Protein backbone atom coordinates (compact mmCIF):
# COMPACT_ATOMS: atom_id res chain seq x y z
CA UNK A 1 99.49 115.71 63.09
CA UNK A 2 102.72 113.81 63.23
CA UNK A 3 103.53 111.06 65.50
CA UNK A 4 107.54 112.24 65.54
CA UNK A 5 105.72 115.79 67.11
CA UNK A 6 103.66 113.77 69.59
CA UNK A 7 106.96 111.94 70.60
CA UNK A 8 108.58 115.28 71.08
CA UNK A 9 106.05 116.30 73.16
CA UNK A 10 105.87 113.55 75.42
CA UNK A 11 109.96 114.36 76.08
CA UNK A 12 109.23 117.76 76.40
CA UNK A 13 106.55 117.64 79.29
CA UNK A 14 107.65 114.26 80.97
CA UNK A 15 111.33 114.20 81.08
CA UNK A 16 111.62 116.47 83.92
CA UNK A 17 109.72 113.93 85.49
CA UNK A 18 111.24 110.45 83.87
CA UNK A 19 114.03 109.60 82.86
CA UNK A 20 114.34 109.93 78.91
CA UNK A 21 114.51 106.47 78.42
CA UNK A 22 111.67 105.52 80.52
CA UNK A 23 109.57 108.29 78.26
CA UNK A 24 110.55 106.91 75.40
CA UNK A 25 109.37 103.16 76.40
CA UNK A 26 106.06 104.83 77.61
CA UNK A 27 105.39 106.52 74.24
CA UNK A 28 106.01 103.25 72.44
CA UNK A 29 103.53 101.62 75.21
CA UNK A 30 100.97 104.17 74.30
CA UNK A 31 101.12 103.64 70.45
CA UNK A 32 100.84 100.44 71.10
CA UNK A 33 97.90 99.85 73.21
CA UNK A 34 95.88 103.21 71.62
CA UNK A 35 97.09 102.90 67.69
CA UNK A 36 97.70 99.65 67.47
CA UNK A 37 101.36 100.85 66.16
CA UNK A 38 104.41 98.71 66.37
CA UNK A 39 107.47 100.45 68.47
CA UNK A 40 109.80 100.64 65.40
CA UNK A 41 106.98 102.11 63.64
CA UNK A 42 108.82 105.90 63.28
CA UNK A 43 112.31 104.08 62.28
CA UNK A 44 109.96 102.82 59.26
CA UNK A 45 108.15 105.86 58.35
CA UNK A 46 108.94 108.62 60.32
CA UNK A 47 106.26 111.23 58.37
CA UNK A 48 103.38 108.67 59.52
CA UNK A 49 100.59 111.13 60.82
CA UNK A 50 98.03 109.97 63.34
CA UNK A 51 94.15 110.90 62.71
CA UNK A 52 92.59 113.27 65.52
CA UNK A 53 90.65 110.79 67.57
CA UNK A 54 93.90 108.97 67.89
CA UNK A 55 95.73 112.19 68.57
CA UNK A 56 93.18 112.75 71.56
CA UNK A 57 94.24 109.01 72.90
CA UNK A 58 97.96 109.90 73.21
CA UNK A 59 97.28 113.17 74.65
CA UNK A 60 94.85 112.68 77.82
CA UNK A 61 97.38 109.61 78.61
CA UNK A 62 99.94 112.22 78.46
CA UNK A 63 98.04 114.14 80.90
CA UNK A 64 98.08 111.30 83.13
CA UNK A 65 101.13 110.86 83.25
CA UNK A 66 102.11 114.50 83.86
CA UNK A 67 100.03 113.21 87.37
CA UNK A 68 102.21 110.68 87.54
CA UNK A 69 99.72 108.10 87.20
CA UNK A 70 101.86 104.79 86.38
CA UNK A 71 101.91 103.40 82.59
CA UNK A 72 100.15 100.40 84.16
CA UNK A 73 97.27 102.34 85.23
CA UNK A 74 96.76 104.13 82.12
CA UNK A 75 96.47 101.54 79.75
CA UNK A 76 94.53 99.52 82.27
CA UNK A 77 96.83 96.49 82.34
CA UNK A 78 99.89 94.80 82.22
CA UNK A 79 101.55 91.47 81.66
CA UNK A 80 102.89 88.89 84.43
CA UNK A 81 104.65 86.00 83.28
CA UNK A 82 103.29 86.52 79.86
CA UNK A 83 99.68 87.09 80.93
CA UNK A 84 97.70 89.73 80.42
CA UNK A 85 96.48 91.40 83.68
CA UNK A 86 93.97 94.07 84.07
CA UNK A 87 95.18 96.24 86.68
CA UNK A 88 93.37 99.88 87.95
CA UNK A 89 93.70 101.82 91.56
CA UNK A 90 92.05 99.06 93.94
CA UNK A 91 95.17 96.95 93.13
CA UNK A 92 99.06 97.12 93.33
CA UNK A 93 100.85 96.96 89.18
CA UNK A 94 102.32 93.32 89.51
CA UNK A 95 106.53 93.19 89.38
CA UNK A 96 109.59 91.53 87.96
CA UNK A 97 110.13 90.53 91.64
CA UNK A 98 106.80 88.84 92.35
CA UNK A 99 106.73 86.82 89.12
CA UNK A 100 110.46 85.01 90.35
CA UNK A 101 108.01 83.81 93.86
CA UNK A 102 105.53 82.70 91.71
CA UNK A 103 108.56 80.87 89.17
CA UNK A 104 109.89 79.16 92.32
CA UNK A 105 107.17 77.63 93.40
CA UNK A 106 106.35 76.42 89.78
CA UNK A 107 109.54 74.94 90.05
CA UNK A 108 109.03 72.81 93.03
CA UNK A 109 105.06 71.99 92.02
CA UNK A 110 107.00 70.00 89.25
CA UNK A 111 108.41 67.67 91.98
CA UNK A 112 104.94 67.23 93.70
CA UNK A 113 102.19 65.40 93.04
CA UNK A 114 99.50 66.32 90.47
CA UNK A 115 96.79 66.26 92.95
CA UNK A 116 97.83 70.12 94.96
CA UNK A 117 95.80 72.56 96.64
CA UNK A 118 96.85 75.83 96.62
CA UNK A 119 96.08 79.61 98.18
CA UNK A 120 97.42 82.91 97.59
CA UNK A 121 97.06 85.27 100.25
CA UNK A 122 96.32 88.95 99.92
CA UNK A 123 96.06 88.12 96.09
CA UNK A 124 95.18 91.54 94.70
CA UNK A 125 95.27 91.68 91.07
CA UNK A 126 94.91 88.28 91.31
CA UNK A 127 98.66 87.54 88.93
CA UNK A 128 99.88 84.88 91.68
CA UNK A 129 97.20 82.86 91.37
CA UNK A 130 95.86 82.95 87.65
CA UNK A 131 99.50 82.38 87.04
CA UNK A 132 99.71 79.66 88.61
CA UNK A 133 96.33 78.19 87.65
CA UNK A 134 97.12 78.80 84.03
CA UNK A 135 100.73 77.32 83.60
CA UNK A 136 99.32 74.16 86.00
CA UNK A 137 95.97 73.60 85.32
CA UNK A 138 95.26 70.69 87.27
CA UNK A 139 96.14 72.63 90.72
CA UNK A 140 93.15 73.93 92.52
CA UNK A 141 94.06 77.02 93.23
CA UNK A 142 92.07 79.67 95.80
CA UNK A 143 93.09 83.50 96.20
CA UNK A 144 91.61 85.54 99.19
CA UNK A 145 91.58 89.49 100.34
CA UNK A 146 90.64 92.13 102.54
CA UNK A 147 89.66 94.55 99.32
CA UNK A 148 86.32 93.50 97.76
CA UNK A 149 87.36 95.91 94.89
CA UNK A 150 90.71 93.68 94.71
CA UNK A 151 88.65 91.00 94.25
CA UNK A 152 86.63 92.22 91.14
CA UNK A 153 89.64 93.00 89.64
CA UNK A 154 90.72 89.80 90.12
CA UNK A 155 87.70 87.79 88.98
CA UNK A 156 88.19 89.64 85.54
CA UNK A 157 91.43 88.79 84.89
CA UNK A 158 90.57 84.95 85.92
CA UNK A 159 87.91 85.11 83.06
CA UNK A 160 90.26 86.69 80.94
CA UNK A 161 92.75 83.77 81.38
CA UNK A 162 90.45 81.37 81.49
CA UNK A 163 91.12 79.92 84.44
CA UNK A 164 88.84 78.11 87.47
CA UNK A 165 90.13 80.12 90.95
CA UNK A 166 88.07 80.25 93.90
CA UNK A 167 88.09 83.72 95.45
CA UNK A 168 87.38 84.94 98.83
CA UNK A 169 87.10 88.08 100.96
CA UNK A 170 88.86 87.37 104.18
CA UNK A 171 90.72 89.48 106.46
CA UNK A 172 93.23 87.41 107.07
CA UNK A 173 94.27 89.81 110.39
CA UNK A 174 90.63 88.41 112.03
CA UNK A 175 90.50 85.07 110.81
CA UNK A 176 91.32 82.10 113.21
CA UNK A 177 92.41 79.90 110.35
CA UNK A 178 92.17 79.09 106.61
CA UNK A 179 88.80 76.70 107.33
CA UNK A 180 90.91 74.09 105.19
CA UNK A 181 94.33 72.43 104.53
CA UNK A 182 96.79 73.37 101.71
CA UNK A 183 99.52 71.87 100.37
CA UNK A 184 100.92 75.32 99.05
CA UNK A 185 100.69 78.61 100.45
CA UNK A 186 102.17 81.43 98.28
CA UNK A 187 101.79 85.39 99.49
CA UNK A 188 102.87 88.43 98.83
CA UNK A 189 102.03 90.88 102.22
CA UNK A 190 102.39 94.72 102.58
CA UNK A 191 105.85 94.78 104.21
CA UNK A 192 106.81 98.27 103.44
CA UNK A 193 107.91 100.18 106.48
CA UNK A 194 106.05 103.65 107.07
CA UNK A 195 110.19 104.61 107.16
CA UNK A 196 110.87 103.38 104.04
CA UNK A 197 108.18 105.71 102.22
CA UNK A 198 110.50 108.38 101.65
CA UNK A 199 112.38 105.64 99.01
CA UNK A 200 109.28 105.48 96.48
CA UNK A 201 108.44 107.58 93.67
CA UNK A 202 105.61 109.50 93.60
CA UNK A 203 103.39 107.33 91.33
CA UNK A 204 103.60 104.61 93.69
CA UNK A 205 102.64 106.33 96.70
CA UNK A 206 99.82 108.73 95.10
CA UNK A 207 98.66 105.75 92.97
CA UNK A 208 99.27 102.50 94.51
CA UNK A 209 96.63 101.16 97.37
CA UNK A 210 98.86 102.32 100.77
CA UNK A 211 97.49 99.50 102.16
CA UNK A 212 98.89 97.01 100.13
CA UNK A 213 101.89 98.56 100.70
CA UNK A 214 103.01 99.89 103.98
CA UNK A 215 103.19 98.24 107.38
CA UNK A 216 103.67 99.99 110.84
CA UNK A 217 107.23 100.73 112.00
CA UNK A 218 106.44 99.18 115.45
CA UNK A 219 105.71 95.82 113.84
CA UNK A 220 106.38 95.12 110.31
CA UNK A 221 106.31 91.41 111.01
CA UNK A 222 102.18 91.91 111.44
CA UNK A 223 101.35 89.86 108.33
CA UNK A 224 104.54 87.67 108.79
CA UNK A 225 103.12 86.85 111.79
CA UNK A 226 99.55 86.20 110.93
CA UNK A 227 100.21 83.94 108.00
CA UNK A 228 102.72 81.81 109.83
CA UNK A 229 100.48 81.30 111.82
CA UNK A 230 97.46 80.24 109.46
CA UNK A 231 100.26 78.55 107.63
CA UNK A 232 101.25 75.96 110.72
CA UNK A 233 97.63 75.51 111.41
CA UNK A 234 96.80 75.44 107.08
CA UNK A 235 99.33 73.29 105.80
CA UNK A 236 99.27 69.62 104.78
CA UNK A 237 102.04 67.58 105.80
CA UNK A 238 105.67 68.48 104.44
CA UNK A 239 103.55 71.63 102.66
CA UNK A 240 105.64 74.62 101.28
CA UNK A 241 104.94 78.20 102.48
CA UNK A 242 106.18 80.97 99.99
CA UNK A 243 106.48 84.69 100.86
CA UNK A 244 107.79 87.84 99.34
CA UNK A 245 109.58 89.73 101.31
CA UNK A 246 111.40 93.14 102.59
CA UNK A 247 114.83 92.59 101.72
CA UNK A 248 116.05 94.65 104.99
CA UNK A 249 113.90 92.09 106.77
CA UNK A 250 115.10 88.48 105.63
CA UNK A 251 116.74 87.60 109.25
CA UNK A 252 113.67 88.53 111.30
CA UNK A 253 111.65 86.58 108.82
CA UNK A 254 113.66 83.60 109.32
CA UNK A 255 113.97 83.65 112.84
CA UNK A 256 109.74 84.14 112.96
CA UNK A 257 109.06 80.94 110.98
CA UNK A 258 111.42 78.88 113.29
CA UNK A 259 109.38 80.49 115.93
CA UNK A 260 106.05 78.58 114.16
CA UNK A 261 108.07 75.11 113.86
CA UNK A 262 108.69 75.44 110.50
CA UNK A 263 112.23 73.88 109.02
CA UNK A 264 114.04 73.52 105.56
CA UNK A 265 114.08 77.56 105.49
CA UNK A 266 115.43 78.78 102.23
CA UNK A 267 115.97 82.79 101.51
CA UNK A 268 116.87 84.11 97.69
CA UNK A 269 117.70 87.16 96.01
CA UNK A 270 115.77 88.76 93.43
CA UNK A 271 117.37 89.86 89.90
CA UNK A 272 118.60 92.99 91.65
CA UNK A 273 120.30 90.77 94.07
CA UNK A 274 118.37 91.79 97.29
CA UNK A 275 117.08 89.25 99.80
CA UNK A 276 113.27 89.04 98.33
CA UNK A 277 111.68 85.43 98.99
CA UNK A 278 111.49 82.75 101.45
CA UNK A 279 110.35 78.97 101.02
CA UNK A 280 109.75 77.22 104.44
CA UNK A 281 108.16 73.48 105.02
CA UNK A 282 105.95 71.91 107.86
CA UNK A 283 107.63 68.36 108.31
CA UNK A 284 105.30 67.89 110.85
CA UNK A 285 101.89 68.71 111.92
CA UNK A 286 101.63 69.15 115.64
């Protein structure tokens, strides 16, 4: 079958669900991943023909995309700071905003001592912990999550990217402490309020783990409060806390951190202009 005919079928089946540009992108990602073809192949050879086996990969993928499964789950992988990260329905798909949070921490690490210990709370796929460990190999990195299946994915990603990370299964809502002190605590916890669910696309709501996305409307700072308490007791002197946040709750998170004796609280916007991340420091440990 001609590859251009399959592209036409993708548009015929998917254009009512996704923007045409997104359908193009998904089609090219599919041929790159499953067929090993560059995305410009049709411009070079419009009459290229693929085999029956290759057709099967493309049509199986199309069936999943029609059910609004995210392309990252269909491929079983994504990229995060140019690193290959395996994903499945047990973990959130890493977002560009989280890359910005990690880059902020990396900027600061350049100005800190080499002998640093870092913990990633709610690691999911492990993308934050793995990128820190890969880009700064001297760091001692720990990653925790409540989900055993998520930790299995994270461990595979650590092996894939050849980094050494200590993984632990921990429910931070029940943990009294982090077990030791760290120089940096970083987290992208659940922060979307249930009332904001209507803004989410079906491919997110129906596939990504809701427990990693949503918090109760009556207690949207649940995880930030818990992390702030753990960080107040578990950060070394002059340690830093990095948080990805709900854009609508930035001032609430800042006030909460002040209540837990944090200072030098700085808010940054993401690439879309939304309040998305906060850094805070402990000047002294009480």
